[in-house]
Protein backbone atom coordinates (compact mmCIF):
# COMPACT_ATOMS: atom_id res chain seq x y z
CA MET A 1 29.82 57.34 9.54
CA LYS A 2 26.23 59.26 9.23
CA THR A 3 24.63 56.35 6.94
CA LEU A 4 25.99 53.62 9.31
CA THR A 5 23.35 55.22 11.83
CA LYS A 6 20.39 55.35 9.81
CA LEU A 7 20.62 51.36 9.27
CA PRO A 8 18.33 49.51 11.01
CA ARG A 9 19.85 47.81 14.34
CA LEU A 10 19.14 44.05 12.45
CA LEU A 11 21.73 45.12 9.60
CA LYS A 12 24.38 46.68 12.17
CA GLU A 13 25.06 43.43 14.02
CA PRO A 14 26.36 40.28 13.12
CA THR A 15 23.46 37.93 14.23
CA GLY A 16 21.32 40.06 12.21
CA TRP A 17 23.04 39.12 8.78
CA ILE A 18 23.14 35.62 10.10
CA LEU A 19 19.15 35.57 10.66
CA ILE A 20 19.05 37.09 7.00
CA ALA A 21 20.87 34.48 5.62
CA LEU A 22 19.38 31.67 7.25
CA SER A 23 15.60 33.10 6.04
CA ILE A 24 16.91 33.53 2.61
CA GLY A 25 18.22 29.68 2.64
CA PHE A 26 14.89 28.74 4.15
CA PHE A 27 12.81 30.42 1.12
CA TYR A 28 15.01 28.92 -1.46
CA ALA A 29 14.63 25.33 -0.12
CA GLN A 30 10.95 25.55 0.44
CA TRP A 31 10.44 27.21 -2.80
CA PRO A 32 7.80 24.86 -4.73
CA SER A 33 9.71 24.58 -7.67
CA ARG A 34 12.77 23.42 -6.07
CA SER A 35 10.85 20.13 -4.85
CA ALA A 36 11.07 17.26 -7.16
CA PRO A 37 7.87 15.63 -8.14
CA ILE A 38 7.07 12.17 -7.01
CA ASP A 39 6.94 9.91 -9.81
CA ALA A 40 4.33 7.47 -10.02
CA PRO A 41 5.72 3.83 -10.42
CA ALA A 42 6.01 2.08 -13.51
CA TYR A 43 3.25 -0.47 -13.09
CA TYR A 44 3.54 -4.12 -14.16
CA TRP A 45 0.33 -5.84 -15.66
CA GLN A 46 -0.12 -9.61 -14.69
CA GLN A 47 -2.99 -11.73 -16.15
CA LEU A 48 -3.45 -15.30 -14.85
CA ASP A 49 -4.30 -18.30 -16.65
CA GLY A 50 -8.60 -17.85 -15.50
CA GLY A 51 -8.36 -14.21 -16.90
CA LEU A 52 -7.80 -11.87 -13.68
CA LYS A 53 -5.51 -9.26 -14.28
CA VAL A 54 -3.55 -7.63 -11.13
CA ARG A 55 -1.49 -4.50 -11.61
CA TRP A 56 1.41 -4.37 -9.47
CA GLU A 57 3.81 -1.67 -8.58
CA ALA A 58 6.89 -3.46 -9.44
CA GLU A 59 7.41 -7.10 -10.95
CA PRO A 60 6.32 -9.48 -8.17
CA VAL A 61 8.28 -12.69 -7.04
CA PHE A 62 6.77 -15.87 -8.15
CA GLN A 63 6.37 -18.80 -5.70
CA ASP A 64 5.56 -22.27 -6.30
CA SER A 65 4.61 -24.66 -3.57
CA GLY A 66 3.06 -27.43 -5.58
CA ALA A 67 -0.65 -26.96 -6.29
CA THR A 68 -0.65 -23.73 -4.97
CA GLN A 69 0.93 -20.66 -6.44
CA ALA A 70 1.90 -17.14 -5.12
CA TRP A 71 3.27 -13.95 -6.51
CA GLY A 72 4.34 -11.55 -3.84
CA LEU A 73 5.50 -8.23 -3.58
CA THR A 74 6.96 -5.89 -0.53
CA LEU A 75 7.25 -2.27 -1.10
CA LYS A 76 7.59 0.73 0.83
CA GLY A 77 6.41 -0.78 4.03
CA MET A 78 3.45 -2.65 2.23
CA SER A 79 3.15 -6.40 1.40
CA PHE A 80 0.89 -7.59 -1.58
CA MET A 81 0.15 -10.86 -2.63
CA VAL A 82 -1.75 -13.24 -5.11
CA GLN A 83 -2.31 -16.61 -4.51
CA THR A 84 -3.84 -19.57 -6.71
CA GLY A 85 -4.73 -23.22 -6.32
CA PRO A 86 -7.26 -25.82 -7.17
CA LEU A 87 -10.57 -25.84 -6.00
CA SER A 88 -11.51 -29.05 -4.58
CA GLY A 89 -14.82 -28.20 -2.70
CA ASP A 90 -17.32 -25.56 -2.05
CA PHE A 91 -15.93 -22.24 -2.45
CA ASN A 92 -17.79 -20.52 0.28
CA GLU A 93 -16.57 -23.19 2.74
CA LEU A 94 -13.02 -22.71 1.92
CA VAL A 95 -13.19 -18.91 2.27
CA LEU A 96 -14.98 -19.26 5.49
CA LEU A 97 -12.36 -21.85 6.69
CA VAL A 98 -9.51 -19.75 5.50
CA ALA A 99 -10.84 -16.42 6.82
CA ALA A 100 -11.10 -18.25 10.48
CA GLN A 101 -7.38 -19.53 9.86
CA ASP A 102 -6.35 -15.97 9.23
CA ARG A 103 -8.25 -14.31 11.87
CA ALA A 104 -6.83 -16.84 14.37
CA ALA A 105 -3.20 -16.18 13.01
CA VAL A 106 -3.44 -12.61 13.29
CA GLY A 107 -5.18 -12.58 16.76
CA GLY A 108 -6.78 -9.42 15.72
CA ALA A 109 -10.07 -7.78 15.43
CA ILE A 110 -12.31 -7.57 12.26
CA GLN A 111 -11.93 -4.51 10.16
CA ASP A 112 -14.52 -5.57 7.54
CA PRO A 113 -17.03 -8.74 7.90
CA LEU A 114 -16.74 -11.34 5.45
CA THR A 115 -19.17 -10.73 2.72
CA PHE A 116 -20.00 -12.98 -0.35
CA SER A 117 -21.00 -11.68 -3.75
CA GLY A 118 -21.22 -14.28 -6.35
CA GLN A 119 -18.14 -15.71 -6.98
CA GLN A 120 -16.18 -13.31 -4.70
CA ALA A 121 -15.75 -13.04 -1.20
CA GLU A 122 -13.82 -10.20 0.77
CA TYR A 123 -12.81 -9.54 4.44
CA ALA A 124 -10.02 -7.47 6.42
CA PHE A 125 -8.54 -7.59 9.91
CA PHE A 126 -6.62 -5.93 12.38
CA ASP A 127 -3.48 -7.64 13.52
CA ALA A 128 -1.64 -7.37 16.60
CA GLU A 129 0.50 -4.55 15.24
CA SER A 130 -2.28 -2.31 14.14
CA ARG A 131 -1.77 -3.41 10.47
CA ILE A 132 -4.78 -4.41 8.15
CA GLN A 133 -4.75 -7.34 6.41
CA SER A 134 -7.51 -7.10 3.55
CA HIS A 135 -8.22 -10.23 1.57
CA ARG A 136 -10.26 -10.79 -1.60
CA TRP A 137 -11.43 -14.39 -2.98
CA TYR A 138 -12.44 -14.79 -6.40
CA GLN A 139 -13.61 -18.34 -7.80
CA GLN A 140 -12.66 -19.07 -11.68
CA GLU A 141 -14.10 -22.14 -12.71
CA GLU A 142 -12.27 -25.02 -10.73
CA THR A 143 -9.83 -22.56 -9.37
CA TRP A 144 -9.65 -20.06 -6.27
CA ILE A 145 -7.45 -16.90 -6.30
CA LYS A 146 -6.75 -14.83 -3.27
CA VAL A 147 -5.71 -11.52 -3.40
CA SER A 148 -4.10 -9.88 -0.08
CA VAL A 149 -2.62 -6.30 0.99
CA LEU A 150 -0.93 -6.00 4.29
CA TYR A 151 -0.46 -2.26 5.44
CA LYS A 152 -0.26 0.23 8.43
CA PRO A 153 -3.11 2.58 7.77
CA SER A 154 -0.93 5.67 9.48
CA MET A 155 -0.45 7.02 6.02
CA ALA A 156 -3.14 8.09 3.69
CA SER A 157 -0.73 7.41 0.87
CA ARG A 158 -0.55 3.68 2.08
CA VAL A 159 -4.48 3.35 2.59
CA ALA A 160 -4.72 4.77 -1.18
CA ARG A 161 -2.18 2.20 -2.60
CA ALA A 162 -3.85 -0.69 -0.85
CA THR A 163 -7.37 0.60 -2.06
CA GLU A 164 -5.64 0.94 -5.63
CA PHE A 165 -4.48 -2.35 -5.73
CA LEU A 166 -7.69 -4.05 -4.94
CA ALA A 167 -9.38 -1.96 -7.25
CA ASN A 168 -7.28 -2.79 -9.99
CA THR A 169 -7.23 -6.55 -9.51
CA GLY A 170 -10.58 -8.28 -11.38
CA TYR A 171 -11.88 -9.33 -14.64
């Protein structure tokens, strides 16, 4: 009986034992070696006819609608798309026309203004749902290629994935 009086009050009451058990469980669950590492995706590489290489996070779905071909992938709250088609006029005029149509379709603000750099163009818009639509255009001889990504910039990982997708698409 004497030893029981020397114990701290926390150990004498059932509430104290519950707190100790919950604390041990918390530290066990939060210990870094218990958390599973996040696996990097098994990237799928695609090379288009003109030599453009695209790195996807998974195999895209192919859609053929006549002269225009498209590959798309929706994964983890993001949409990725690559479209190609024959160029029947001036590349810059086509990009200006489609950029105006894209902006009218989303009814949003300009994130990055339209810029041309040789046979390449890029722009980005905010849409009505606070998503960013980034588009990059390439001209390869008599073919145009449009690379697009749609995402909400609420998470840094989504911004990094979108930036990585656009950065790893090119010649």
